[in-house]
C-alpha atoms as a PDB file:
ATOM      1  CA  MET A   1     145.987 -21.485 -41.992  1.00  0.00           C
ATOM      2  CA  ALA A   2     144.272 -23.340 -39.163  1.00  0.00           C
ATOM      3  CA  GLY A   3     140.966 -24.914 -40.069  1.00  0.00           C
ATOM      4  CA  HIS A   4     142.053 -25.563 -43.652  1.00  0.00           C
ATOM      5  CA  GLY A   5     141.004 -29.060 -44.669  1.00  0.00           C
ATOM      6  CA  ALA A   6     138.455 -29.454 -41.876  1.00  0.00           C
ATOM      7  CA  PRO A   7     135.936 -32.234 -42.527  1.00  0.00           C
ATOM      8  CA  SER A   8     132.283 -31.679 -43.245  1.00  0.00           C
ATOM      9  CA  LEU A   9     130.489 -33.972 -40.835  1.00  0.00           C
ATOM     10  CA  ASP A  10     126.968 -35.303 -41.262  1.00  0.00           C
ATOM     11  CA  ILE A  11     126.006 -36.033 -37.679  1.00  0.00           C
ATOM     12  CA  ASP A  12     122.718 -37.247 -36.253  1.00  0.00           C
ATOM     13  CA  GLY A  13     122.880 -36.488 -32.554  1.00  0.00           C
ATOM     14  CA  SER A  14     119.265 -37.305 -31.791  1.00  0.00           C
ATOM     15  CA  GLY A  15     119.087 -39.346 -28.637  1.00  0.00           C
ATOM     16  CA  ALA A  16     122.512 -38.238 -27.418  1.00  0.00           C
ATOM     17  CA  ARG A  17     122.960 -36.795 -23.954  1.00  0.00           C
ATOM     18  CA  VAL A  18     125.843 -34.301 -24.062  1.00  0.00           C
ATOM     19  CA  ALA A  19     127.622 -32.332 -21.352  1.00  0.00           C
ATOM     20  CA  ILE A  20     129.528 -29.149 -22.107  1.00  0.00           C
ATOM     21  CA  VAL A  21     132.194 -28.643 -19.442  1.00  0.00           C
ATOM     22  CA  ALA A  22     133.547 -25.101 -19.651  1.00  0.00           C
ATOM     23  CA  SER A  23     136.079 -23.047 -17.757  1.00  0.00           C
ATOM     24  CA  LEU A  24     135.117 -19.750 -16.117  1.00  0.00           C
ATOM     25  CA  TRP A  25     138.308 -17.914 -17.188  1.00  0.00           C
ATOM     26  CA  HIS A  26     138.344 -15.508 -20.177  1.00  0.00           C
ATOM     27  CA  THR A  27     134.612 -14.775 -20.217  1.00  0.00           C
ATOM     28  CA  GLU A  28     134.314 -13.266 -23.701  1.00  0.00           C
ATOM     29  CA  VAL A  29     136.142 -16.142 -25.384  1.00  0.00           C
ATOM     30  CA  MET A  30     134.307 -18.752 -23.313  1.00  0.00           C
ATOM     31  CA  ASP A  31     130.919 -17.220 -24.168  1.00  0.00           C
ATOM     32  CA  GLY A  32     131.756 -17.654 -27.859  1.00  0.00           C
ATOM     33  CA  LEU A  33     133.026 -21.217 -27.439  1.00  0.00           C
ATOM     34  CA  ILE A  34     129.962 -22.258 -25.448  1.00  0.00           C
ATOM     35  CA  ALA A  35     127.572 -20.655 -27.938  1.00  0.00           C
ATOM     36  CA  GLY A  36     129.302 -22.398 -30.859  1.00  0.00           C
ATOM     37  CA  ALA A  37     129.094 -25.772 -29.118  1.00  0.00           C
ATOM     38  CA  GLN A  38     125.436 -25.289 -28.211  1.00  0.00           C
ATOM     39  CA  VAL A  39     124.499 -24.310 -31.776  1.00  0.00           C
ATOM     40  CA  ALA A  40     126.345 -27.289 -33.271  1.00  0.00           C
ATOM     41  CA  LEU A  41     124.685 -29.706 -30.845  1.00  0.00           C
ATOM     42  CA  ALA A  42     121.220 -28.265 -31.488  1.00  0.00           C
ATOM     43  CA  GLU A  43     121.742 -28.387 -35.254  1.00  0.00           C
ATOM     44  CA  ALA A  44     122.684 -32.064 -34.925  1.00  0.00           C
ATOM     45  CA  GLY A  45     119.431 -32.809 -33.111  1.00  0.00           C
ATOM     46  CA  VAL A  46     120.747 -33.089 -29.560  1.00  0.00           C
ATOM     47  CA  THR A  47     117.992 -32.090 -27.153  1.00  0.00           C
ATOM     48  CA  GLU A  48     119.628 -33.010 -23.855  1.00  0.00           C
ATOM     49  CA  ILE A  49     122.542 -30.630 -23.291  1.00  0.00           C
ATOM     50  CA  GLU A  50     123.897 -29.767 -19.863  1.00  0.00           C
ATOM     51  CA  LEU A  51     126.343 -26.918 -19.298  1.00  0.00           C
ATOM     52  CA  VAL A  52     128.702 -27.392 -16.353  1.00  0.00           C
ATOM     53  CA  ARG A  53     131.143 -24.637 -15.371  1.00  0.00           C
ATOM     54  CA  VAL A  54     134.509 -25.291 -13.710  1.00  0.00           C
ATOM     55  CA  PRO A  55     136.988 -22.842 -12.189  1.00  0.00           C
ATOM     56  CA  GLY A  56     139.711 -23.268 -14.811  1.00  0.00           C
ATOM     57  CA  SER A  57     141.147 -25.479 -17.536  1.00  0.00           C
ATOM     58  CA  PHE A  58     143.085 -27.600 -15.034  1.00  0.00           C
ATOM     59  CA  GLU A  59     139.752 -28.846 -13.648  1.00  0.00           C
ATOM     60  CA  LEU A  60     138.383 -29.921 -17.034  1.00  0.00           C
ATOM     61  CA  PRO A  61     139.614 -33.561 -16.967  1.00  0.00           C
ATOM     62  CA  LEU A  62     138.177 -34.396 -13.552  1.00  0.00           C
ATOM     63  CA  VAL A  63     134.765 -32.896 -14.251  1.00  0.00           C
ATOM     64  CA  CYS A  64     134.663 -34.392 -17.766  1.00  0.00           C
ATOM     65  CA  GLN A  65     135.365 -37.753 -16.166  1.00  0.00           C
ATOM     66  CA  GLY A  66     132.499 -37.130 -13.752  1.00  0.00           C
ATOM     67  CA  ALA A  67     130.179 -36.376 -16.669  1.00  0.00           C
ATOM     68  CA  ALA A  68     131.293 -39.515 -18.503  1.00  0.00           C
ATOM     69  CA  VAL A  69     130.741 -41.663 -15.428  1.00  0.00           C
ATOM     70  CA  ALA A  70     127.342 -39.996 -14.868  1.00  0.00           C
ATOM     71  CA  GLY A  71     126.163 -41.413 -18.188  1.00  0.00           C
ATOM     72  CA  PHE A  72     126.599 -38.635 -20.729  1.00  0.00           C
ATOM     73  CA  ASP A  73     127.124 -40.031 -24.224  1.00  0.00           C
ATOM     74  CA  ALA A  74     129.664 -37.355 -25.165  1.00  0.00           C
ATOM     75  CA  VAL A  75     131.387 -34.474 -23.421  1.00  0.00           C
ATOM     76  CA  VAL A  76     132.625 -31.196 -24.878  1.00  0.00           C
ATOM     77  CA  ALA A  77     135.583 -29.743 -22.950  1.00  0.00           C
ATOM     78  CA  LEU A  78     136.056 -25.985 -23.402  1.00  0.00           C
ATOM     79  CA  GLY A  79     138.782 -23.839 -21.928  1.00  0.00           C
ATOM     80  CA  VAL A  80     141.340 -21.134 -22.644  1.00  0.00           C
ATOM     81  CA  ILE A  81     144.944 -20.969 -21.527  1.00  0.00           C
ATOM     82  CA  ILE A  82     146.922 -17.863 -22.493  1.00  0.00           C
ATOM     83  CA  ARG A  83     150.716 -18.053 -22.420  1.00  0.00           C
ATOM     84  CA  GLY A  84     152.298 -15.895 -19.753  1.00  0.00           C
ATOM     85  CA  GLY A  85     155.816 -15.249 -18.592  1.00  0.00           C
ATOM     86  CA  THR A  86     156.112 -18.365 -16.427  1.00  0.00           C
ATOM     87  CA  PRO A  87     156.066 -22.130 -17.102  1.00  0.00           C
ATOM     88  CA  HIS A  88     152.484 -22.264 -15.722  1.00  0.00           C
ATOM     89  CA  PHE A  89     151.121 -22.316 -19.306  1.00  0.00           C
ATOM     90  CA  GLU A  90     153.003 -25.504 -20.173  1.00  0.00           C
ATOM     91  CA  PHE A  91     152.068 -27.249 -16.931  1.00  0.00           C
ATOM     92  CA  VAL A  92     148.348 -26.527 -17.207  1.00  0.00           C
ATOM     93  CA  SER A  93     148.190 -27.161 -20.970  1.00  0.00           C
ATOM     94  CA  THR A  94     149.940 -30.518 -20.672  1.00  0.00           C
ATOM     95  CA  ALA A  95     147.986 -31.637 -17.615  1.00  0.00           C
ATOM     96  CA  ALA A  96     144.625 -30.711 -19.135  1.00  0.00           C
ATOM     97  CA  THR A  97     145.407 -32.255 -22.530  1.00  0.00           C
ATOM     98  CA  ASP A  98     146.782 -35.479 -21.085  1.00  0.00           C
ATOM     99  CA  GLY A  99     143.926 -35.664 -18.599  1.00  0.00           C
ATOM    100  CA  LEU A 100     141.231 -35.244 -21.249  1.00  0.00           C
ATOM    101  CA  THR A 101     142.849 -37.940 -23.388  1.00  0.00           C
ATOM    102  CA  ARG A 102     142.966 -40.278 -20.418  1.00  0.00           C
ATOM    103  CA  VAL A 103     139.307 -39.647 -19.591  1.00  0.00           C
ATOM    104  CA  ALA A 104     138.235 -40.543 -23.126  1.00  0.00           C
ATOM    105  CA  LEU A 105     140.352 -43.694 -23.235  1.00  0.00           C
ATOM    106  CA  ASP A 106     139.488 -44.836 -19.704  1.00  0.00           C
ATOM    107  CA  THR A 107     135.726 -44.273 -20.014  1.00  0.00           C
ATOM    108  CA  GLY A 108     135.118 -44.866 -23.721  1.00  0.00           C
ATOM    109  CA  VAL A 109     133.141 -41.623 -23.823  1.00  0.00           C
ATOM    110  CA  PRO A 110     134.137 -39.183 -26.582  1.00  0.00           C
ATOM    111  CA  ILE A 111     135.590 -35.910 -25.333  1.00  0.00           C
ATOM    112  CA  GLY A 112     135.476 -32.985 -27.760  1.00  0.00           C
ATOM    113  CA  PHE A 113     138.727 -31.082 -27.334  1.00  0.00           C
ATOM    114  CA  GLY A 114     137.939 -27.375 -27.222  1.00  0.00           C
ATOM    115  CA  LEU A 115     140.886 -26.266 -25.109  1.00  0.00           C
ATOM    116  CA  LEU A 116     142.500 -23.218 -26.674  1.00  0.00           C
ATOM    117  CA  THR A 117     146.206 -22.863 -25.903  1.00  0.00           C
ATOM    118  CA  CYS A 118     147.163 -19.461 -27.239  1.00  0.00           C
ATOM    119  CA  ASP A 119     150.087 -17.081 -27.121  1.00  0.00           C
ATOM    120  CA  ASP A 120     147.871 -14.034 -26.587  1.00  0.00           C
ATOM    121  CA  ASP A 121     144.287 -12.840 -26.183  1.00  0.00           C
ATOM    122  CA  GLN A 122     143.876 -12.080 -29.890  1.00  0.00           C
ATOM    123  CA  GLN A 123     144.639 -15.667 -30.892  1.00  0.00           C
ATOM    124  CA  ALA A 124     141.928 -16.829 -28.501  1.00  0.00           C
ATOM    125  CA  LEU A 125     139.423 -14.298 -29.836  1.00  0.00           C
ATOM    126  CA  ASP A 126     140.224 -15.399 -33.403  1.00  0.00           C
ATOM    127  CA  ARG A 127     139.178 -18.952 -32.499  1.00  0.00           C
ATOM    128  CA  ALA A 128     136.181 -18.203 -30.271  1.00  0.00           C
ATOM    129  CA  GLY A 129     133.400 -18.168 -32.875  1.00  0.00           C
ATOM    130  CA  LEU A 130     132.562 -14.561 -32.101  1.00  0.00           C
ATOM    131  CA  PRO A 131     131.661 -11.991 -34.762  1.00  0.00           C
ATOM    132  CA  GLY A 132     134.947 -11.308 -36.545  1.00  0.00           C
ATOM    133  CA  SER A 133     136.552 -14.595 -35.419  1.00  0.00           C
ATOM    134  CA  ARG A 134     138.237 -16.723 -38.079  1.00  0.00           C
ATOM    135  CA  GLU A 135     137.313 -20.021 -36.436  1.00  0.00           C
ATOM    136  CA  ASP A 136     134.720 -21.528 -34.112  1.00  0.00           C
ATOM    137  CA  LYS A 137     136.523 -24.051 -31.943  1.00  0.00           C
ATOM    138  CA  GLY A 138     133.477 -24.546 -29.709  1.00  0.00           C
ATOM    139  CA  ARG A 139     131.492 -25.765 -32.711  1.00  0.00           C
ATOM    140  CA  GLU A 140     134.392 -27.933 -33.874  1.00  0.00           C
ATOM    141  CA  ALA A 141     134.790 -29.558 -30.445  1.00  0.00           C
ATOM    142  CA  ALA A 142     131.073 -30.358 -30.252  1.00  0.00           C
ATOM    143  CA  GLU A 143     131.069 -31.790 -33.773  1.00  0.00           C
ATOM    144  CA  ALA A 144     134.127 -33.918 -32.979  1.00  0.00           C
ATOM    145  CA  ALA A 145     132.560 -35.334 -29.800  1.00  0.00           C
ATOM    146  CA  LEU A 146     129.291 -36.116 -31.570  1.00  0.00           C
ATOM    147  CA  GLY A 147     131.071 -37.512 -34.610  1.00  0.00           C
ATOM    148  CA  ALA A 148     133.078 -39.903 -32.443  1.00  0.00           C
ATOM    149  CA  TRP A 149     129.916 -40.879 -30.533  1.00  0.00           C
ATOM    150  CA  GLN A 150     128.176 -41.657 -33.802  1.00  0.00           C
ATOM    151  CA  VAL A 151     131.088 -43.778 -35.070  1.00  0.00           C
ATOM    152  CA  LEU A 152     131.304 -45.712 -31.798  1.00  0.00           C
ATOM    153  CA  ARG A 153     127.548 -46.299 -31.835  1.00  0.00           C
ATOM    154  CA  GLU A 154     127.753 -47.650 -35.404  1.00  0.00           C
ATOM    155  CA  LEU A 155     130.682 -49.920 -34.487  1.00  0.00           C
ATOM    156  CA  VAL A 156     128.732 -51.434 -31.632  1.00  0.00           C
ATOM    157  CA  SER A 157     125.570 -51.915 -33.731  1.00  0.00           C
ATOM    158  CA  ASP A 158     127.625 -53.560 -36.518  1.00  0.00           C
ATOM    159  CA  ALA A 159     129.453 -55.915 -34.152  1.00  0.00           C
ATOM    160  CA  PRO A 160     128.646 -59.614 -34.480  1.00  0.00           C
END
């Protein structure tokens, strides 16, 4: 079962400036992911949250990089890719995943990975944080970005 063994994070996000970069595709699922991320950030004390919408998941890495360069402390990347009958799913999934990893490593800004790569619509709905969903991947992505930001901040403050 996905989500089993997930950590319980104690995150203080006060003072953090966070961008949520979210795809426009699959409106119902995206609405749930965005809401979950926003709730998690607010619960952690983040008061400066900016929502940026992009056409699709392929555009997530470039716009997340723009947010990182613009000075956001953490970025939450949210998107949905549903498998179809062509190799398009693999190309977009790989490009977006590799791109988001590169952005985090190149900029040093944590990127919360909320890109759903699902075989069908139901799998996406089950992970969207909507009523009846089994998981809330928007919340998890926001918590991961903030958790990494907090760890990096502590590393820097503890450095000699």
